[in-house]
Protein backbone atom coordinates (compact mmCIF):
# COMPACT_ATOMS: atom_id res chain seq x y z
CA UNK A 1 -1.13 4.29 -18.24
CA UNK A 2 -1.02 6.98 -15.55
CA UNK A 3 1.85 6.47 -13.09
CA UNK A 4 2.09 8.57 -9.95
CA UNK A 5 4.91 10.93 -9.10
CA UNK A 6 7.88 9.47 -7.21
CA UNK A 7 8.14 11.25 -3.83
CA UNK A 8 10.99 13.79 -3.72
CA UNK A 9 12.55 12.08 -0.68
CA UNK A 10 12.78 8.81 -2.63
CA UNK A 11 14.58 10.64 -5.41
CA UNK A 12 16.99 12.31 -2.97
CA UNK A 13 17.81 9.16 -0.97
CA UNK A 14 20.14 6.82 -2.86
CA UNK A 15 19.12 4.04 -0.45
CA UNK A 16 15.39 4.42 -1.04
CA UNK A 17 13.53 1.25 -1.94
CA UNK A 18 10.08 0.75 -3.44
CA UNK A 19 7.99 -1.56 -1.30
CA UNK A 20 4.66 -1.66 -3.10
CA UNK A 21 2.91 -0.57 -6.24
CA UNK A 22 -0.80 -1.05 -6.91
CA UNK A 23 -2.66 -0.72 -10.20
CA UNK A 24 -6.27 -1.06 -11.28
CA UNK A 25 -6.00 -2.81 -14.66
CA UNK A 26 -8.15 -5.23 -16.65
CA UNK A 27 -10.95 -4.68 -14.14
CA UNK A 28 -8.89 -5.80 -11.14
CA UNK A 29 -6.11 -4.97 -8.71
CA UNK A 30 -2.55 -5.81 -9.72
CA UNK A 31 0.32 -5.30 -7.30
CA UNK A 32 4.03 -5.61 -7.06
CA UNK A 33 5.29 -6.25 -3.54
CA UNK A 34 8.79 -6.26 -2.16
CA UNK A 35 8.29 -9.41 -0.08
CA UNK A 36 11.35 -10.54 1.84
CA UNK A 37 12.92 -7.11 2.32
CA UNK A 38 11.86 -6.81 5.96
CA UNK A 39 13.08 -10.31 6.84
CA UNK A 40 16.44 -9.46 5.26
CA UNK A 41 16.60 -6.47 7.62
CA UNK A 42 15.93 -8.67 10.67
CA UNK A 43 12.22 -7.85 11.06
CA UNK A 44 9.16 -10.09 11.02
CA UNK A 45 7.52 -9.64 7.63
CA UNK A 46 3.83 -9.55 8.78
CA UNK A 47 4.45 -7.04 11.59
CA UNK A 48 6.52 -4.75 9.37
CA UNK A 49 3.92 -4.87 6.57
CA UNK A 50 1.24 -4.05 9.14
CA UNK A 51 3.21 -0.99 10.19
CA UNK A 52 3.78 0.03 6.57
CA UNK A 53 0.09 -0.38 5.71
CA UNK A 54 -0.95 1.56 8.83
CA UNK A 55 1.25 4.43 7.68
CA UNK A 56 -0.30 4.23 4.19
CA UNK A 57 -3.79 4.45 5.75
CA UNK A 58 -2.73 7.54 7.72
CA UNK A 59 -1.35 9.15 4.56
CA UNK A 60 -4.62 8.43 2.73
CA UNK A 61 -6.62 9.90 5.61
CA UNK A 62 -4.46 13.03 5.71
CA UNK A 63 -4.86 13.47 1.95
CA UNK A 64 -8.64 13.00 2.18
CA UNK A 65 -8.80 15.66 4.91
CA UNK A 66 -6.89 18.05 2.70
CA UNK A 67 -9.13 17.36 -0.31
CA UNK A 68 -12.56 16.91 1.28
CA UNK A 69 -12.28 18.20 4.84
CA UNK A 70 -13.28 14.88 6.44
CA UNK A 71 -11.33 14.43 9.67
CA UNK A 72 -8.32 12.14 9.67
CA UNK A 73 -9.64 9.88 12.48
CA UNK A 74 -13.02 9.52 10.75
CA UNK A 75 -11.39 8.55 7.46
CA UNK A 76 -9.04 6.10 9.20
CA UNK A 77 -12.04 4.43 10.86
CA UNK A 78 -13.96 4.24 7.57
CA UNK A 79 -10.94 2.65 5.87
CA UNK A 80 -10.49 0.14 8.70
CA UNK A 81 -14.20 -0.75 8.61
CA UNK A 82 -14.01 -1.27 4.86
CA UNK A 83 -10.83 -3.35 5.15
CA UNK A 84 -12.36 -5.59 7.82
CA UNK A 85 -15.51 -6.10 5.76
CA UNK A 86 -13.42 -7.00 2.70
CA UNK A 87 -11.20 -9.38 4.66
CA UNK A 88 -14.24 -11.13 6.17
CA UNK A 89 -16.28 -11.32 2.96
CA UNK A 90 -14.12 -10.64 -0.05
CA UNK A 91 -15.67 -9.11 -3.16
CA UNK A 92 -12.82 -10.43 -5.32
CA UNK A 93 -10.09 -13.05 -5.26
CA UNK A 94 -6.60 -12.02 -4.29
CA UNK A 95 -4.56 -14.33 -6.47
CA UNK A 96 -1.11 -13.94 -7.85
CA UNK A 97 2.33 -15.31 -8.34
CA UNK A 98 5.88 -14.16 -8.22
CA UNK A 99 6.98 -12.57 -11.46
CA UNK A 100 10.64 -12.05 -12.23
CA UNK A 101 11.87 -8.51 -12.60
CA UNK A 102 12.54 -7.63 -16.25
CA UNK A 103 16.25 -7.44 -17.06
């Protein structure tokens, strides 16, 4: 298992909250999602997740520019194209269920 580093800001902020974690395991994607948090804060869940995912895409594009030199806008467009293709014609099932947090 190879977990990523927790961002320093998340460590500094006692009110930080993890919203998503994604793993490639057993030949598939496995996620934990903090569904319901945005609604509890008075926001519409789909819109807030869209904003969060848009920020994630921008972070990925910025990182790719730093590593490979490909421009941020070009990488964003490539990611969006890939996402739209996958949403229209999925290469794998996105199935899951709620799992209780271990005590």
